[in-house]
Amino acid sequence: MDIGFVAADAAPKAIGPYSQAVSYGELIYTAGQIALDPATMQIVSGGIGEQTERVLSNLEAVLRAAGSDLSRVLKTTVFLQNMADFTAM
């Protein structure tokens, strides 16, 4: 099997030396996501709710570029600065 590198035009460009996602066979490994607006490359304004929506939208764009979607996600890890934001997330 070959390793594939994914670059999604609809998601923020990588801000470091990494790929947005890597595929291996039918598996897709995505890079960590932050709430960057792809058009401005700035963190979206608002609170944790708006940031969560942007992260999921970015992740969806990366998965689409890899030929997948959110319905096929097996595992996620979330890092919150404040646990009081958990419910709004």
N, C-alpha and C. Protein backbone atom coordinates (compact mmCIF):
# COMPACT_ATOMS: atom_id res chain seq x y z
N MET A 1 0.85 -1.19 0.00
CA MET A 1 0.00 0.00 0.00
C MET A 1 0.88 1.24 0.00
N ASP A 2 0.38 2.26 -0.64
CA ASP A 2 1.10 3.53 -0.70
C ASP A 2 0.59 4.50 0.35
N ILE A 3 1.46 5.38 0.79
CA ILE A 3 1.08 6.47 1.68
C ILE A 3 0.71 7.66 0.81
N GLY A 4 -0.46 8.26 1.09
CA GLY A 4 -0.90 9.43 0.34
C GLY A 4 -0.94 10.65 1.24
N PHE A 5 -0.66 11.80 0.68
CA PHE A 5 -0.70 13.04 1.43
C PHE A 5 -1.87 13.87 0.93
N VAL A 6 -2.67 14.39 1.86
CA VAL A 6 -3.92 15.08 1.52
C VAL A 6 -3.74 16.58 1.73
N ALA A 7 -4.16 17.35 0.74
CA ALA A 7 -4.19 18.81 0.83
C ALA A 7 -5.56 19.27 0.36
N ALA A 8 -6.32 19.87 1.27
CA ALA A 8 -7.68 20.33 0.96
C ALA A 8 -7.69 21.83 0.75
N ASP A 9 -8.14 22.27 -0.41
CA ASP A 9 -8.23 23.70 -0.69
C ASP A 9 -9.25 24.40 0.19
N ALA A 10 -10.28 23.67 0.64
CA ALA A 10 -11.36 24.27 1.43
C ALA A 10 -11.04 24.34 2.92
N ALA A 11 -9.87 23.88 3.32
CA ALA A 11 -9.44 23.94 4.72
C ALA A 11 -8.23 24.87 4.82
N PRO A 12 -7.93 25.35 6.03
CA PRO A 12 -6.75 26.22 6.17
C PRO A 12 -5.49 25.50 5.72
N LYS A 13 -4.60 26.24 5.09
CA LYS A 13 -3.32 25.68 4.68
C LYS A 13 -2.53 25.29 5.94
N ALA A 14 -1.71 24.27 5.83
CA ALA A 14 -0.87 23.86 6.96
C ALA A 14 0.04 25.03 7.35
N ILE A 15 0.16 25.28 8.65
CA ILE A 15 0.98 26.40 9.12
C ILE A 15 2.33 25.91 9.63
N GLY A 16 2.67 24.72 9.27
CA GLY A 16 3.95 24.13 9.66
C GLY A 16 4.32 23.05 8.67
N PRO A 17 5.39 22.33 8.95
CA PRO A 17 5.86 21.29 8.03
C PRO A 17 5.12 19.96 8.22
N TYR A 18 3.84 19.95 7.91
CA TYR A 18 3.03 18.75 8.06
C TYR A 18 1.96 18.73 6.98
N SER A 19 1.33 17.59 6.82
CA SER A 19 0.21 17.43 5.88
C SER A 19 -1.10 17.57 6.65
N GLN A 20 -2.14 18.03 5.97
CA GLN A 20 -3.46 18.11 6.59
C GLN A 20 -3.96 16.73 6.97
N ALA A 21 -3.61 15.74 6.17
CA ALA A 21 -3.95 14.35 6.46
C ALA A 21 -3.03 13.45 5.66
N VAL A 22 -2.95 12.22 6.12
CA VAL A 22 -2.17 11.19 5.44
C VAL A 22 -3.07 9.97 5.31
N SER A 23 -3.07 9.37 4.14
CA SER A 23 -3.87 8.16 3.94
C SER A 23 -2.95 6.96 3.75
N TYR A 24 -3.43 5.83 4.23
CA TYR A 24 -2.72 4.56 4.07
C TYR A 24 -3.79 3.50 3.85
N GLY A 25 -3.91 3.02 2.63
CA GLY A 25 -5.01 2.12 2.31
C GLY A 25 -6.32 2.87 2.48
N GLU A 26 -7.22 2.31 3.27
CA GLU A 26 -8.51 2.97 3.52
C GLU A 26 -8.50 3.81 4.79
N LEU A 27 -7.36 3.89 5.48
CA LEU A 27 -7.26 4.67 6.71
C LEU A 27 -6.80 6.09 6.39
N ILE A 28 -7.35 7.04 7.13
CA ILE A 28 -6.96 8.44 6.98
C ILE A 28 -6.61 8.96 8.37
N TYR A 29 -5.42 9.53 8.48
CA TYR A 29 -4.97 10.13 9.73
C TYR A 29 -4.92 11.64 9.52
N THR A 30 -5.74 12.38 10.27
CA THR A 30 -5.78 13.83 10.10
C THR A 30 -4.85 14.51 11.10
N ALA A 31 -4.35 15.66 10.71
CA ALA A 31 -3.56 16.49 11.61
C ALA A 31 -4.50 17.16 12.61
N GLY A 32 -3.96 17.65 13.69
CA GLY A 32 -4.75 18.41 14.65
C GLY A 32 -5.37 19.63 13.99
N GLN A 33 -6.51 20.02 14.47
CA GLN A 33 -7.24 21.14 13.88
C GLN A 33 -7.41 22.26 14.90
N ILE A 34 -7.26 23.48 14.45
CA ILE A 34 -7.60 24.64 15.25
C ILE A 34 -8.62 25.45 14.47
N ALA A 35 -9.23 26.40 15.14
CA ALA A 35 -10.37 27.12 14.56
C ALA A 35 -9.95 28.24 13.61
N LEU A 36 -9.15 27.90 12.61
CA LEU A 36 -8.72 28.89 11.62
C LEU A 36 -9.74 29.01 10.50
N ASP A 37 -10.06 30.25 10.14
CA ASP A 37 -10.88 30.50 8.96
C ASP A 37 -9.96 30.32 7.74
N PRO A 38 -10.31 29.45 6.79
CA PRO A 38 -9.43 29.22 5.65
C PRO A 38 -9.19 30.46 4.79
N ALA A 39 -10.14 31.39 4.77
CA ALA A 39 -10.00 32.58 3.94
C ALA A 39 -9.03 33.60 4.54
N THR A 40 -9.07 33.73 5.87
CA THR A 40 -8.26 34.76 6.53
C THR A 40 -7.06 34.19 7.27
N MET A 41 -7.07 32.89 7.53
CA MET A 41 -6.04 32.22 8.33
C MET A 41 -5.95 32.81 9.74
N GLN A 42 -7.09 33.29 10.24
CA GLN A 42 -7.20 33.82 11.59
C GLN A 42 -8.16 32.94 12.38
N ILE A 43 -7.96 32.87 13.70
CA ILE A 43 -8.89 32.15 14.57
C ILE A 43 -10.24 32.85 14.48
N VAL A 44 -11.31 32.07 14.35
CA VAL A 44 -12.65 32.67 14.25
C VAL A 44 -13.00 33.39 15.55
N SER A 45 -13.78 34.46 15.41
CA SER A 45 -14.22 35.19 16.59
C SER A 45 -15.40 34.47 17.21
N GLY A 46 -15.71 34.83 18.43
CA GLY A 46 -16.78 34.17 19.14
C GLY A 46 -16.22 33.25 20.20
N GLY A 47 -17.04 32.42 20.71
CA GLY A 47 -16.64 31.53 21.78
C GLY A 47 -16.35 30.12 21.32
N ILE A 48 -16.41 29.22 22.26
CA ILE A 48 -16.07 27.83 21.99
C ILE A 48 -17.04 27.20 20.99
N GLY A 49 -18.29 27.62 20.98
CA GLY A 49 -19.26 27.07 20.03
C GLY A 49 -18.86 27.37 18.59
N GLU A 50 -18.52 28.62 18.31
CA GLU A 50 -18.10 29.02 16.97
C GLU A 50 -16.78 28.34 16.58
N GLN A 51 -15.88 28.23 17.55
CA GLN A 51 -14.60 27.59 17.27
C GLN A 51 -14.78 26.10 16.97
N THR A 52 -15.66 25.45 17.71
CA THR A 52 -15.93 24.03 17.47
C THR A 52 -16.53 23.83 16.08
N GLU A 53 -17.49 24.68 15.71
CA GLU A 53 -18.09 24.58 14.37
C GLU A 53 -17.04 24.73 13.28
N ARG A 54 -16.11 25.67 13.45
CA ARG A 54 -15.07 25.89 12.44
C ARG A 54 -14.13 24.69 12.37
N VAL A 55 -13.75 24.15 13.51
CA VAL A 55 -12.86 22.97 13.51
C VAL A 55 -13.53 21.81 12.78
N LEU A 56 -14.80 21.57 13.06
CA LEU A 56 -15.51 20.46 12.40
C LEU A 56 -15.66 20.72 10.90
N SER A 57 -15.89 21.96 10.52
CA SER A 57 -15.99 22.31 9.10
C SER A 57 -14.64 22.08 8.40
N ASN A 58 -13.56 22.49 9.05
CA ASN A 58 -12.23 22.27 8.48
C ASN A 58 -11.92 20.78 8.37
N LEU A 59 -12.24 20.04 9.41
CA LEU A 59 -12.00 18.60 9.40
C LEU A 59 -12.81 17.92 8.29
N GLU A 60 -14.06 18.34 8.13
CA GLU A 60 -14.90 17.79 7.07
C GLU A 60 -14.29 18.05 5.69
N ALA A 61 -13.74 19.24 5.48
CA ALA A 61 -13.11 19.57 4.20
C ALA A 61 -11.90 18.68 3.94
N VAL A 62 -11.10 18.44 4.96
CA VAL A 62 -9.93 17.58 4.81
C VAL A 62 -10.36 16.15 4.49
N LEU A 63 -11.36 15.66 5.21
CA LEU A 63 -11.84 14.30 4.96
C LEU A 63 -12.43 14.16 3.56
N ARG A 64 -13.18 15.16 3.11
CA ARG A 64 -13.74 15.13 1.74
C ARG A 64 -12.62 15.06 0.71
N ALA A 65 -11.57 15.84 0.92
CA ALA A 65 -10.44 15.83 -0.02
C ALA A 65 -9.76 14.46 -0.05
N ALA A 66 -9.90 13.72 1.04
CA ALA A 66 -9.31 12.38 1.12
C ALA A 66 -10.29 11.29 0.67
N GLY A 67 -11.51 11.70 0.28
CA GLY A 67 -12.51 10.73 -0.18
C GLY A 67 -13.32 10.13 0.94
N SER A 68 -13.45 10.84 2.06
CA SER A 68 -14.19 10.32 3.20
C SER A 68 -15.11 11.42 3.74
N ASP A 69 -15.66 11.20 4.95
CA ASP A 69 -16.49 12.20 5.60
C ASP A 69 -16.55 11.93 7.09
N LEU A 70 -17.22 12.83 7.82
CA LEU A 70 -17.29 12.72 9.28
C LEU A 70 -17.98 11.45 9.77
N SER A 71 -18.85 10.88 8.97
CA SER A 71 -19.58 9.68 9.41
C SER A 71 -18.66 8.47 9.57
N ARG A 72 -17.46 8.55 9.04
CA ARG A 72 -16.53 7.43 9.10
C ARG A 72 -15.42 7.62 10.15
N VAL A 73 -15.52 8.68 10.94
CA VAL A 73 -14.51 8.96 11.97
C VAL A 73 -14.64 7.94 13.10
N LEU A 74 -13.52 7.34 13.47
CA LEU A 74 -13.52 6.33 14.52
C LEU A 74 -13.15 6.89 15.88
N LYS A 75 -12.31 7.89 15.92
CA LYS A 75 -11.82 8.41 17.20
C LYS A 75 -11.45 9.87 17.06
N THR A 76 -11.72 10.64 18.09
CA THR A 76 -11.26 12.02 18.16
C THR A 76 -10.68 12.28 19.54
N THR A 77 -9.82 13.24 19.63
CA THR A 77 -9.29 13.72 20.91
C THR A 77 -9.50 15.22 20.94
N VAL A 78 -10.02 15.71 22.04
CA VAL A 78 -10.30 17.13 22.19
C VAL A 78 -9.48 17.67 23.36
N PHE A 79 -8.84 18.80 23.15
CA PHE A 79 -8.13 19.49 24.22
C PHE A 79 -8.86 20.80 24.49
N LEU A 80 -9.32 20.97 25.72
CA LEU A 80 -10.00 22.19 26.12
C LEU A 80 -9.13 22.94 27.12
N GLN A 81 -9.05 24.24 26.95
CA GLN A 81 -8.32 25.06 27.90
C GLN A 81 -9.10 25.19 29.20
N ASN A 82 -10.43 25.18 29.10
CA ASN A 82 -11.29 25.35 30.26
C ASN A 82 -12.42 24.33 30.19
N MET A 83 -12.50 23.45 31.17
CA MET A 83 -13.53 22.41 31.17
C MET A 83 -14.94 23.00 31.26
N ALA A 84 -15.07 24.24 31.68
CA ALA A 84 -16.38 24.89 31.69
C ALA A 84 -16.93 25.06 30.27
N ASP A 85 -16.06 24.96 29.27
CA ASP A 85 -16.49 25.07 27.87
C ASP A 85 -17.02 23.76 27.30
N PHE A 86 -16.95 22.68 28.06
CA PHE A 86 -17.30 21.36 27.54
C PHE A 86 -18.72 21.31 26.99
N THR A 87 -19.68 21.81 27.73
CA THR A 87 -21.08 21.74 27.30
C THR A 87 -21.31 22.53 26.02
N ALA A 88 -20.73 23.71 25.91
CA ALA A 88 -20.91 24.54 24.71
C ALA A 88 -20.21 23.94 23.50
N MET A 89 -19.19 23.14 23.74
CA MET A 89 -18.46 22.51 22.64
C MET A 89 -19.35 21.45 22.03
